[in-house]
Structure formats: structure tokens, C-alpha cells
Amino acid sequence: MADLTHPTNLILLIVGIIWMYLFVKVEKQVQQPLLDLSLFRIPVYTYSILLTTISSIGLFAGIFLIPLLIQQAFGLSAIVTGLVFLPSALFTGIFMTVGGRILDKKGAKGVITSGLLVLAVGTLVMGFMSIETSLAFIIFWMAIRGIGNGLSSMPSTTTGMNAVPDRLVSRGSALNNVARQMSSAFAVVFISIFYEVRRGQIMTSSSTFSLEQASVQAINEAFIFVGILTFLTIPIGYMLEKKSKEEDLKERKMEEKKQAVR
């Protein structure tokens, strides 16, 4: 824990925050910004970016933690780790397509919040593993997480981009990609620090814990944190669906008025 509060680390953190503030200030003033932050004035797009950010944190947290669990705690090979990820990746791809089709036919209502709920439950359950937990358990719940991620990620991103004016679509896509990349990098850094610090604390606080047991406990706590964070995004998903429906109704009324004038 001492490393986290080391003066050099604190200074670097403060400098990073200052540069981030200056970047945002400059971007608001120039005519051709690298990132058009004015897009955050669009509520649907803002909710979409929030969901994209938090979903990326959950996704990359799992990508970081599962190999540690399989290889360090269970002592299995990298090939087994890849096999554990396979059903999750497969179901993510399948349900991205399913979520996209539901979005096209019925709109965003229900599909995003359902996906977030499935993802949150799957992530939270992963926080109750032990050194005796079977691979079948991990594969099953990773697949469930893949279903939730597939249902929520594609519809939320598409809904957010649909709310951006056509002339600003390229800027909206750029900002979305940057948010995704930054959140994934943040997730890996934060979870790795949490894992190392928490595992060390568990080892020093109890002599009954082996290194493997301490690793599993730290991984469990990380999954519980990410699961709670995902649960907190469900209201954001609901607001995204609600605002999207309101925007669709406005567009329909405007089209009806145009047709009536013609």
C-alpha cells in the first residue's frame, strides 16, 4: 500500500489531472478539436458513452483476472485459459447480432437493461469462487457474461451513435473509440494494482492463507466490485432507452408534420 501513496506516484497523478483539465479547456475553445466534447450535450450519446466506458472496464477486468485465476491460482496452462474464454467470446459475438436485430425491430427499450442485468449477475457470481471451484463453473458464468455483454454493448453504442447528427458522426465515433480505449487501459491498471495490493494484504493479515488462496480471494473481491459497478449502470441503461424512445417520437412527429404540409 505504501507504493500507492509514494510521493512520486502522487505527483504523477496530480500532473495527469492537470494536463487532462488543460486538454479539455483547449478542446472547448478551438474550432477543429481533436475530440468534440460538445457531443456530451446530447443526452442519449452521453449515456451511451458512460455505458461503453463501464462495460469496457468490466470486460477487460475479466480478461485480466481470469488468466491469473487459471494459471497462478489453479496452476493450469495457457491453453486451458484460452478454452475458458472461447464460449464467452462465442456468445458475445452471437448476442451482439441478436441485440442488434432486436434494436432494429423493436428499438432500444428493454434490450440494453436486460443485457446489463445478465452481465452484472454473471460478474457478481464470479466473486464467490474458491480454490476448489470447477472449470465448468467458470466457463458457464463467463459465457453468461458474454451473453450480457453482447446484448448491452452493441445496442447501446448504436443507439448513442444514432443520436449524433450526420455531420458529426465521425467525431462521435472518434470520441467513442477514445473512451473505450481509455477505460480499458484504466481497467487493467486499476485491477492489477488492486489485485497485487489486496493479495499482499491478505497474505500478511492471515497466516492460514496460502498464496493461491490469497490470489483467489483478491480476484473474488475484484469481481464483486466490478459486478456492483455494473449493477449501478442499469439505471443509466434505462435512461438511455427512455431518451432514445423520446427522440424517436419527436422524429416521427416531425416527419408527420412535413408530410402534412406537403
C-alpha atoms as a PDB file:
ATOM      1  CA  MET A   1       0.000   0.000   0.000  1.00  0.00           C
ATOM      2  CA  ALA A   2       2.946   2.280   0.647  1.00  0.00           C
ATOM      3  CA  ASP A   3       3.787   2.249  -3.068  1.00  0.00           C
ATOM      4  CA  LEU A   4       0.395   3.760  -3.881  1.00  0.00           C
ATOM      5  CA  THR A   5       0.984   6.751  -1.608  1.00  0.00           C
ATOM      6  CA  HIS A   6       4.613   7.273  -2.656  1.00  0.00           C
ATOM      7  CA  PRO A   7       5.260  10.991  -3.383  1.00  0.00           C
ATOM      8  CA  THR A   8       6.371  10.274  -6.965  1.00  0.00           C
ATOM      9  CA  ASN A   9       3.120   8.422  -7.729  1.00  0.00           C
ATOM     10  CA  LEU A  10       1.006  11.166  -6.175  1.00  0.00           C
ATOM     11  CA  ILE A  11       2.864  13.862  -8.112  1.00  0.00           C
ATOM     12  CA  LEU A  12       2.384  11.982 -11.387  1.00  0.00           C
ATOM     13  CA  LEU A  13      -1.329  11.596 -10.619  1.00  0.00           C
ATOM     14  CA  ILE A  14      -1.728  15.308  -9.927  1.00  0.00           C
ATOM     15  CA  VAL A  15       0.208  16.239 -13.086  1.00  0.00           C
ATOM     16  CA  GLY A  16      -2.010  13.891 -15.107  1.00  0.00           C
ATOM     17  CA  ILE A  17      -5.180  15.501 -13.734  1.00  0.00           C
ATOM     18  CA  ILE A  18      -3.841  18.992 -14.515  1.00  0.00           C
ATOM     19  CA  TRP A  19      -2.977  18.022 -18.104  1.00  0.00           C
ATOM     20  CA  MET A  20      -6.394  16.441 -18.523  1.00  0.00           C
ATOM     21  CA  TYR A  21      -8.046  19.664 -17.336  1.00  0.00           C
ATOM     22  CA  LEU A  22      -5.942  21.763 -19.720  1.00  0.00           C
ATOM     23  CA  PHE A  23      -6.730  19.408 -22.607  1.00  0.00           C
ATOM     24  CA  VAL A  24     -10.479  19.725 -22.008  1.00  0.00           C
ATOM     25  CA  LYS A  25     -10.200  23.511 -21.725  1.00  0.00           C
ATOM     26  CA  VAL A  26      -8.284  23.820 -25.010  1.00  0.00           C
ATOM     27  CA  GLU A  27     -10.625  21.422 -26.842  1.00  0.00           C
ATOM     28  CA  LYS A  28     -13.606  23.599 -25.917  1.00  0.00           C
ATOM     29  CA  GLN A  29     -12.017  26.701 -27.443  1.00  0.00           C
ATOM     30  CA  VAL A  30     -10.629  25.522 -30.803  1.00  0.00           C
ATOM     31  CA  GLN A  31     -12.762  25.305 -33.952  1.00  0.00           C
ATOM     32  CA  GLN A  32     -11.451  21.891 -35.028  1.00  0.00           C
ATOM     33  CA  PRO A  33     -10.932  19.895 -31.800  1.00  0.00           C
ATOM     34  CA  LEU A  34      -9.282  16.501 -31.664  1.00  0.00           C
ATOM     35  CA  LEU A  35     -12.256  15.354 -29.595  1.00  0.00           C
ATOM     36  CA  ASP A  36     -15.552  17.196 -29.935  1.00  0.00           C
ATOM     37  CA  LEU A  37     -16.655  17.358 -26.297  1.00  0.00           C
ATOM     38  CA  SER A  38     -19.784  19.309 -27.260  1.00  0.00           C
ATOM     39  CA  LEU A  39     -21.303  15.939 -28.207  1.00  0.00           C
ATOM     40  CA  PHE A  40     -21.826  15.335 -24.496  1.00  0.00           C
ATOM     41  CA  ARG A  41     -24.679  17.840 -24.723  1.00  0.00           C
ATOM     42  CA  ILE A  42     -26.656  15.073 -26.445  1.00  0.00           C
ATOM     43  CA  PRO A  43     -28.160  13.051 -23.539  1.00  0.00           C
ATOM     44  CA  VAL A  44     -28.535   9.779 -25.477  1.00  0.00           C
ATOM     45  CA  TYR A  45     -24.929   9.919 -26.640  1.00  0.00           C
ATOM     46  CA  THR A  46     -23.680  10.768 -23.140  1.00  0.00           C
ATOM     47  CA  TYR A  47     -25.491   7.784 -21.605  1.00  0.00           C
ATOM     48  CA  SER A  48     -24.081   5.598 -24.364  1.00  0.00           C
ATOM     49  CA  ILE A  49     -20.509   6.726 -23.636  1.00  0.00           C
ATOM     50  CA  LEU A  50     -20.985   6.052 -19.912  1.00  0.00           C
ATOM     51  CA  LEU A  51     -22.184   2.523 -20.650  1.00  0.00           C
ATOM     52  CA  THR A  52     -19.354   1.960 -23.129  1.00  0.00           C
ATOM     53  CA  THR A  53     -16.804   3.096 -20.552  1.00  0.00           C
ATOM     54  CA  ILE A  54     -18.087   0.951 -17.702  1.00  0.00           C
ATOM     55  CA  SER A  55     -18.678  -2.068 -19.951  1.00  0.00           C
ATOM     56  CA  SER A  56     -15.069  -1.839 -21.139  1.00  0.00           C
ATOM     57  CA  ILE A  57     -13.892  -1.773 -17.528  1.00  0.00           C
ATOM     58  CA  GLY A  58     -15.861  -4.943 -16.792  1.00  0.00           C
ATOM     59  CA  LEU A  59     -14.723  -6.667 -19.983  1.00  0.00           C
ATOM     60  CA  PHE A  60     -11.016  -6.030 -19.518  1.00  0.00           C
ATOM     61  CA  ALA A  61     -11.186  -6.725 -15.799  1.00  0.00           C
ATOM     62  CA  GLY A  62     -12.324 -10.241 -16.682  1.00  0.00           C
ATOM     63  CA  ILE A  63      -9.681 -10.571 -19.386  1.00  0.00           C
ATOM     64  CA  PHE A  64      -7.020  -9.657 -16.815  1.00  0.00           C
ATOM     65  CA  LEU A  65      -8.317 -11.641 -13.836  1.00  0.00           C
ATOM     66  CA  ILE A  66      -9.241 -14.982 -15.397  1.00  0.00           C
ATOM     67  CA  PRO A  67      -5.714 -15.831 -16.643  1.00  0.00           C
ATOM     68  CA  LEU A  68      -4.396 -15.071 -13.136  1.00  0.00           C
ATOM     69  CA  LEU A  69      -7.008 -17.378 -11.658  1.00  0.00           C
ATOM     70  CA  ILE A  70      -6.443 -20.232 -14.107  1.00  0.00           C
ATOM     71  CA  GLN A  71      -2.658 -20.096 -14.318  1.00  0.00           C
ATOM     72  CA  GLN A  72      -1.479 -18.761 -10.945  1.00  0.00           C
ATOM     73  CA  ALA A  73      -4.163 -19.986  -8.549  1.00  0.00           C
ATOM     74  CA  PHE A  74      -5.134 -23.257 -10.288  1.00  0.00           C
ATOM     75  CA  GLY A  75      -1.743 -23.896 -11.890  1.00  0.00           C
ATOM     76  CA  LEU A  76      -3.178 -24.782 -15.297  1.00  0.00           C
ATOM     77  CA  SER A  77      -1.802 -23.974 -18.739  1.00  0.00           C
ATOM     78  CA  ALA A  78      -2.387 -21.021 -21.064  1.00  0.00           C
ATOM     79  CA  ILE A  79      -4.230 -23.380 -23.436  1.00  0.00           C
ATOM     80  CA  VAL A  80      -6.831 -24.072 -20.742  1.00  0.00           C
ATOM     81  CA  THR A  81      -7.165 -20.319 -20.213  1.00  0.00           C
ATOM     82  CA  GLY A  82      -7.914 -19.883 -23.903  1.00  0.00           C
ATOM     83  CA  LEU A  83     -10.540 -22.631 -23.782  1.00  0.00           C
ATOM     84  CA  VAL A  84     -12.223 -20.904 -20.833  1.00  0.00           C
ATOM     85  CA  PHE A  85     -12.503 -17.698 -22.862  1.00  0.00           C
ATOM     86  CA  LEU A  86     -13.783 -19.428 -26.004  1.00  0.00           C
ATOM     87  CA  PRO A  87     -17.502 -19.823 -25.040  1.00  0.00           C
ATOM     88  CA  SER A  88     -17.570 -16.279 -23.681  1.00  0.00           C
ATOM     89  CA  ALA A  89     -16.231 -14.830 -26.943  1.00  0.00           C
ATOM     90  CA  LEU A  90     -18.597 -17.018 -28.959  1.00  0.00           C
ATOM     91  CA  PHE A  91     -21.708 -15.950 -27.030  1.00  0.00           C
ATOM     92  CA  THR A  92     -20.633 -12.304 -27.112  1.00  0.00           C
ATOM     93  CA  GLY A  93     -20.484 -12.409 -30.906  1.00  0.00           C
ATOM     94  CA  ILE A  94     -23.797 -14.257 -31.233  1.00  0.00           C
ATOM     95  CA  PHE A  95     -25.720 -11.984 -28.882  1.00  0.00           C
ATOM     96  CA  MET A  96     -24.247  -8.829 -30.395  1.00  0.00           C
ATOM     97  CA  THR A  97     -26.076  -9.908 -33.545  1.00  0.00           C
ATOM     98  CA  VAL A  98     -29.221 -10.774 -31.562  1.00  0.00           C
ATOM     99  CA  GLY A  99     -29.150  -7.445 -29.725  1.00  0.00           C
ATOM    100  CA  GLY A 100     -28.654  -5.559 -32.978  1.00  0.00           C
ATOM    101  CA  ARG A 101     -31.641  -7.281 -34.593  1.00  0.00           C
ATOM    102  CA  ILE A 102     -33.869  -6.571 -31.581  1.00  0.00           C
ATOM    103  CA  LEU A 103     -32.758  -2.930 -31.709  1.00  0.00           C
ATOM    104  CA  ASP A 104     -33.673  -2.676 -35.403  1.00  0.00           C
ATOM    105  CA  LYS A 105     -37.095  -4.252 -34.945  1.00  0.00           C
ATOM    106  CA  LYS A 106     -38.300  -3.004 -31.547  1.00  0.00           C
ATOM    107  CA  GLY A 107     -35.936  -0.204 -30.577  1.00  0.00           C
ATOM    108  CA  ALA A 108     -33.646   0.024 -27.567  1.00  0.00           C
ATOM    109  CA  LYS A 109     -36.316  -0.484 -24.912  1.00  0.00           C
ATOM    110  CA  GLY A 110     -35.550  -3.482 -22.703  1.00  0.00           C
ATOM    111  CA  VAL A 111     -32.616  -4.979 -24.592  1.00  0.00           C
ATOM    112  CA  ILE A 112     -29.866  -2.819 -23.043  1.00  0.00           C
ATOM    113  CA  THR A 113     -31.092  -3.099 -19.441  1.00  0.00           C
ATOM    114  CA  SER A 114     -31.624  -6.844 -19.868  1.00  0.00           C
ATOM    115  CA  GLY A 115     -28.064  -7.260 -21.107  1.00  0.00           C
ATOM    116  CA  LEU A 116     -26.677  -5.171 -18.244  1.00  0.00           C
ATOM    117  CA  LEU A 117     -28.633  -7.216 -15.703  1.00  0.00           C
ATOM    118  CA  VAL A 118     -27.319 -10.507 -17.115  1.00  0.00           C
ATOM    119  CA  LEU A 119     -23.780  -9.110 -17.216  1.00  0.00           C
ATOM    120  CA  ALA A 120     -23.996  -7.826 -13.632  1.00  0.00           C
ATOM    121  CA  VAL A 121     -25.325 -11.122 -12.270  1.00  0.00           C
ATOM    122  CA  GLY A 122     -22.703 -13.132 -14.146  1.00  0.00           C
ATOM    123  CA  THR A 123     -19.915 -10.894 -12.884  1.00  0.00           C
ATOM    124  CA  LEU A 124     -21.136 -10.887  -9.283  1.00  0.00           C
ATOM    125  CA  VAL A 125     -21.395 -14.693  -9.160  1.00  0.00           C
ATOM    126  CA  MET A 126     -17.749 -14.856 -10.273  1.00  0.00           C
ATOM    127  CA  GLY A 127     -16.903 -13.184  -6.978  1.00  0.00           C
ATOM    128  CA  PHE A 128     -17.739 -16.320  -4.968  1.00  0.00           C
ATOM    129  CA  MET A 129     -15.127 -18.782  -6.174  1.00  0.00           C
ATOM    130  CA  SER A 130     -12.702 -20.884  -4.196  1.00  0.00           C
ATOM    131  CA  ILE A 131      -9.598 -22.903  -4.887  1.00  0.00           C
ATOM    132  CA  GLU A 132     -11.886 -25.942  -5.410  1.00  0.00           C
ATOM    133  CA  THR A 133     -14.123 -24.217  -7.971  1.00  0.00           C
ATOM    134  CA  SER A 134     -14.505 -26.288 -11.136  1.00  0.00           C
ATOM    135  CA  LEU A 135     -13.623 -25.112 -14.627  1.00  0.00           C
ATOM    136  CA  ALA A 136     -17.203 -25.864 -15.700  1.00  0.00           C
ATOM    137  CA  PHE A 137     -18.465 -23.230 -13.227  1.00  0.00           C
ATOM    138  CA  ILE A 138     -16.058 -20.621 -14.576  1.00  0.00           C
ATOM    139  CA  ILE A 139     -16.788 -21.450 -18.224  1.00  0.00           C
ATOM    140  CA  PHE A 140     -20.557 -21.290 -17.634  1.00  0.00           C
ATOM    141  CA  TRP A 141     -20.554 -17.910 -15.904  1.00  0.00           C
ATOM    142  CA  MET A 142     -18.039 -16.455 -18.328  1.00  0.00           C
ATOM    143  CA  ALA A 143     -20.455 -17.478 -21.087  1.00  0.00           C
ATOM    144  CA  ILE A 144     -23.283 -15.737 -19.199  1.00  0.00           C
ATOM    145  CA  ARG A 145     -21.142 -12.615 -19.020  1.00  0.00           C
ATOM    146  CA  GLY A 146     -20.591 -12.913 -22.757  1.00  0.00           C
ATOM    147  CA  ILE A 147     -24.355 -13.005 -23.348  1.00  0.00           C
ATOM    148  CA  GLY A 148     -24.897  -9.910 -21.214  1.00  0.00           C
ATOM    149  CA  ASN A 149     -22.034  -8.053 -22.844  1.00  0.00           C
ATOM    150  CA  GLY A 150     -23.303  -8.900 -26.313  1.00  0.00           C
ATOM    151  CA  LEU A 151     -26.859  -7.772 -25.566  1.00  0.00           C
ATOM    152  CA  SER A 152     -25.828  -4.474 -23.974  1.00  0.00           C
ATOM    153  CA  SER A 153     -22.711  -3.256 -25.804  1.00  0.00           C
ATOM    154  CA  MET A 154     -23.795  -3.198 -29.445  1.00  0.00           C
ATOM    155  CA  PRO A 155     -27.310  -1.717 -28.897  1.00  0.00           C
ATOM    156  CA  SER A 156     -26.011   0.968 -26.502  1.00  0.00           C
ATOM    157  CA  THR A 157     -23.249   2.051 -28.897  1.00  0.00           C
ATOM    158  CA  THR A 158     -25.582   2.031 -31.906  1.00  0.00           C
ATOM    159  CA  THR A 159     -28.283   3.958 -30.040  1.00  0.00           C
ATOM    160  CA  GLY A 160     -25.772   6.597 -28.988  1.00  0.00           C
ATOM    161  CA  MET A 161     -24.372   6.993 -32.497  1.00  0.00           C
ATOM    162  CA  ASN A 162     -27.877   7.251 -33.991  1.00  0.00           C
ATOM    163  CA  ALA A 163     -28.478  10.319 -31.805  1.00  0.00           C
ATOM    164  CA  VAL A 164     -25.464  12.149 -33.275  1.00  0.00           C
ATOM    165  CA  PRO A 165     -26.192  14.477 -36.242  1.00  0.00           C
ATOM    166  CA  ASP A 166     -24.980  13.076 -39.559  1.00  0.00           C
ATOM    167  CA  ARG A 167     -22.358  15.804 -39.981  1.00  0.00           C
ATOM    168  CA  LEU A 168     -20.794  14.874 -36.612  1.00  0.00           C
ATOM    169  CA  VAL A 169     -20.865  11.074 -36.893  1.00  0.00           C
ATOM    170  CA  SER A 170     -17.112  10.818 -37.489  1.00  0.00           C
ATOM    171  CA  ARG A 171     -16.434  12.894 -34.374  1.00  0.00           C
ATOM    172  CA  GLY A 172     -18.858  10.798 -32.352  1.00  0.00           C
ATOM    173  CA  SER A 173     -17.144   7.606 -33.484  1.00  0.00           C
ATOM    174  CA  ALA A 174     -13.714   9.009 -32.595  1.00  0.00           C
ATOM    175  CA  LEU A 175     -14.842  10.039 -29.110  1.00  0.00           C
ATOM    176  CA  ASN A 176     -16.464   6.650 -28.578  1.00  0.00           C
ATOM    177  CA  ASN A 177     -13.265   4.825 -29.540  1.00  0.00           C
ATOM    178  CA  VAL A 178     -11.131   7.016 -27.282  1.00  0.00           C
ATOM    179  CA  ALA A 179     -13.482   6.425 -24.339  1.00  0.00           C
ATOM    180  CA  ARG A 180     -13.325   2.688 -24.936  1.00  0.00           C
ATOM    181  CA  GLN A 181      -9.519   2.641 -25.169  1.00  0.00           C
ATOM    182  CA  MET A 182      -9.020   4.841 -22.104  1.00  0.00           C
ATOM    183  CA  SER A 183     -11.457   2.865 -19.968  1.00  0.00           C
ATOM    184  CA  SER A 184      -9.882  -0.465 -20.953  1.00  0.00           C
ATOM    185  CA  ALA A 185      -6.407   0.840 -20.089  1.00  0.00           C
ATOM    186  CA  PHE A 186      -7.712   2.223 -16.799  1.00  0.00           C
ATOM    187  CA  ALA A 187      -9.362  -1.110 -16.003  1.00  0.00           C
ATOM    188  CA  VAL A 188      -6.148  -3.086 -16.469  1.00  0.00           C
ATOM    189  CA  VAL A 189      -4.103  -0.625 -14.392  1.00  0.00           C
ATOM    190  CA  PHE A 190      -6.653  -0.322 -11.590  1.00  0.00           C
ATOM    191  CA  ILE A 191      -7.442  -4.033 -11.347  1.00  0.00           C
ATOM    192  CA  SER A 192      -3.777  -5.024 -11.465  1.00  0.00           C
ATOM    193  CA  ILE A 193      -2.932  -2.625  -8.628  1.00  0.00           C
ATOM    194  CA  PHE A 194      -5.941  -3.762  -6.637  1.00  0.00           C
ATOM    195  CA  TYR A 195      -5.033  -7.411  -7.144  1.00  0.00           C
ATOM    196  CA  GLU A 196      -1.407  -7.054  -6.081  1.00  0.00           C
ATOM    197  CA  VAL A 197      -2.148  -4.825  -3.094  1.00  0.00           C
ATOM    198  CA  ARG A 198      -5.115  -6.821  -1.850  1.00  0.00           C
ATOM    199  CA  ARG A 199      -3.338 -10.176  -2.242  1.00  0.00           C
ATOM    200  CA  GLY A 200      -0.422  -8.823  -0.202  1.00  0.00           C
ATOM    201  CA  GLN A 201      -2.767  -7.583   2.498  1.00  0.00           C
ATOM    202  CA  ILE A 202      -4.499 -10.965   2.728  1.00  0.00           C
ATOM    203  CA  MET A 203      -1.183 -12.794   2.953  1.00  0.00           C
ATOM    204  CA  THR A 204       0.124 -10.563   5.745  1.00  0.00           C
ATOM    205  CA  SER A 205      -3.123 -10.450   7.710  1.00  0.00           C
ATOM    206  CA  SER A 206      -3.617 -14.226   7.921  1.00  0.00           C
ATOM    207  CA  SER A 207      -1.028 -16.954   8.103  1.00  0.00           C
ATOM    208  CA  THR A 208      -3.638 -19.592   7.214  1.00  0.00           C
ATOM    209  CA  PHE A 209      -3.966 -18.337   3.617  1.00  0.00           C
ATOM    210  CA  SER A 210      -1.684 -19.837   1.007  1.00  0.00           C
ATOM    211  CA  LEU A 211      -0.545 -17.759  -1.984  1.00  0.00           C
ATOM    212  CA  GLU A 212      -3.147 -19.458  -4.183  1.00  0.00           C
ATOM    213  CA  GLN A 213      -5.967 -18.852  -1.696  1.00  0.00           C
ATOM    214  CA  ALA A 214      -4.966 -15.209  -1.293  1.00  0.00           C
ATOM    215  CA  SER A 215      -4.957 -14.841  -5.084  1.00  0.00           C
ATOM    216  CA  VAL A 216      -8.460 -16.294  -5.386  1.00  0.00           C
ATOM    217  CA  GLN A 217      -9.745 -14.041  -2.586  1.00  0.00           C
ATOM    218  CA  ALA A 218      -8.308 -10.932  -4.251  1.00  0.00           C
ATOM    219  CA  ILE A 219      -9.811 -11.976  -7.598  1.00  0.00           C
ATOM    220  CA  ASN A 220     -13.197 -12.565  -5.918  1.00  0.00           C
ATOM    221  CA  GLU A 221     -13.210  -9.092  -4.406  1.00  0.00           C
ATOM    222  CA  ALA A 222     -12.300  -7.555  -7.759  1.00  0.00           C
ATOM    223  CA  PHE A 223     -15.187  -9.359  -9.476  1.00  0.00           C
ATOM    224  CA  ILE A 224     -17.597  -8.274  -6.731  1.00  0.00           C
ATOM    225  CA  PHE A 225     -16.519  -4.650  -7.184  1.00  0.00           C
ATOM    226  CA  VAL A 226     -16.958  -4.828 -10.967  1.00  0.00           C
ATOM    227  CA  GLY A 227     -20.311  -6.599 -10.527  1.00  0.00           C
ATOM    228  CA  ILE A 228     -21.617  -3.854  -8.230  1.00  0.00           C
ATOM    229  CA  LEU A 229     -20.350  -1.226 -10.668  1.00  0.00           C
ATOM    230  CA  THR A 230     -22.230  -2.985 -13.479  1.00  0.00           C
ATOM    231  CA  PHE A 231     -25.433  -3.086 -11.412  1.00  0.00           C
ATOM    232  CA  LEU A 232     -25.134   0.684 -10.977  1.00  0.00           C
ATOM    233  CA  THR A 233     -25.174   1.115 -14.770  1.00  0.00           C
ATOM    234  CA  ILE A 234     -28.659  -0.400 -15.115  1.00  0.00           C
ATOM    235  CA  PRO A 235     -30.390   2.953 -14.334  1.00  0.00           C
ATOM    236  CA  ILE A 236     -28.133   4.580 -16.956  1.00  0.00           C
ATOM    237  CA  GLY A 237     -29.248   1.939 -19.442  1.00  0.00           C
ATOM    238  CA  TYR A 238     -32.874   2.672 -18.564  1.00  0.00           C
ATOM    239  CA  MET A 239     -32.353   6.411 -19.104  1.00  0.00           C
ATOM    240  CA  LEU A 240     -30.671   5.679 -22.442  1.00  0.00           C
ATOM    241  CA  GLU A 241     -33.642   3.600 -23.564  1.00  0.00           C
ATOM    242  CA  LYS A 242     -36.103   6.241 -22.335  1.00  0.00           C
ATOM    243  CA  LYS A 243     -34.341   9.176 -24.007  1.00  0.00           C
ATOM    244  CA  SER A 244     -33.934   7.182 -27.216  1.00  0.00           C
ATOM    245  CA  LYS A 245     -37.671   6.473 -27.320  1.00  0.00           C
ATOM    246  CA  GLU A 246     -38.447  10.155 -26.742  1.00  0.00           C
ATOM    247  CA  GLU A 247     -36.134  11.156 -29.592  1.00  0.00           C
ATOM    248  CA  ASP A 248     -37.760   8.604 -31.894  1.00  0.00           C
ATOM    249  CA  LEU A 249     -41.212  10.003 -31.088  1.00  0.00           C
ATOM    250  CA  LYS A 250     -40.020  13.544 -31.821  1.00  0.00           C
ATOM    251  CA  GLU A 251     -38.620  12.469 -35.174  1.00  0.00           C
ATOM    252  CA  ARG A 252     -41.865  10.711 -36.093  1.00  0.00           C
ATOM    253  CA  LYS A 253     -43.923  13.795 -35.227  1.00  0.00           C
ATOM    254  CA  MET A 254     -41.628  15.994 -37.296  1.00  0.00           C
ATOM    255  CA  GLU A 255     -41.937  13.632 -40.275  1.00  0.00           C
ATOM    256  CA  GLU A 256     -45.729  13.573 -39.903  1.00  0.00           C
ATOM    257  CA  LYS A 257     -45.815  17.396 -39.894  1.00  0.00           C
ATOM    258  CA  LYS A 258     -43.634  17.545 -43.000  1.00  0.00           C
ATOM    259  CA  GLN A 259     -45.911  15.081 -44.779  1.00  0.00           C
ATOM    260  CA  ALA A 260     -48.986  17.054 -43.713  1.00  0.00           C
ATOM    261  CA  VAL A 261     -47.508  20.289 -45.099  1.00  0.00           C
ATOM    262  CA  ARG A 262     -46.749  18.554 -48.404  1.00  0.00           C
END
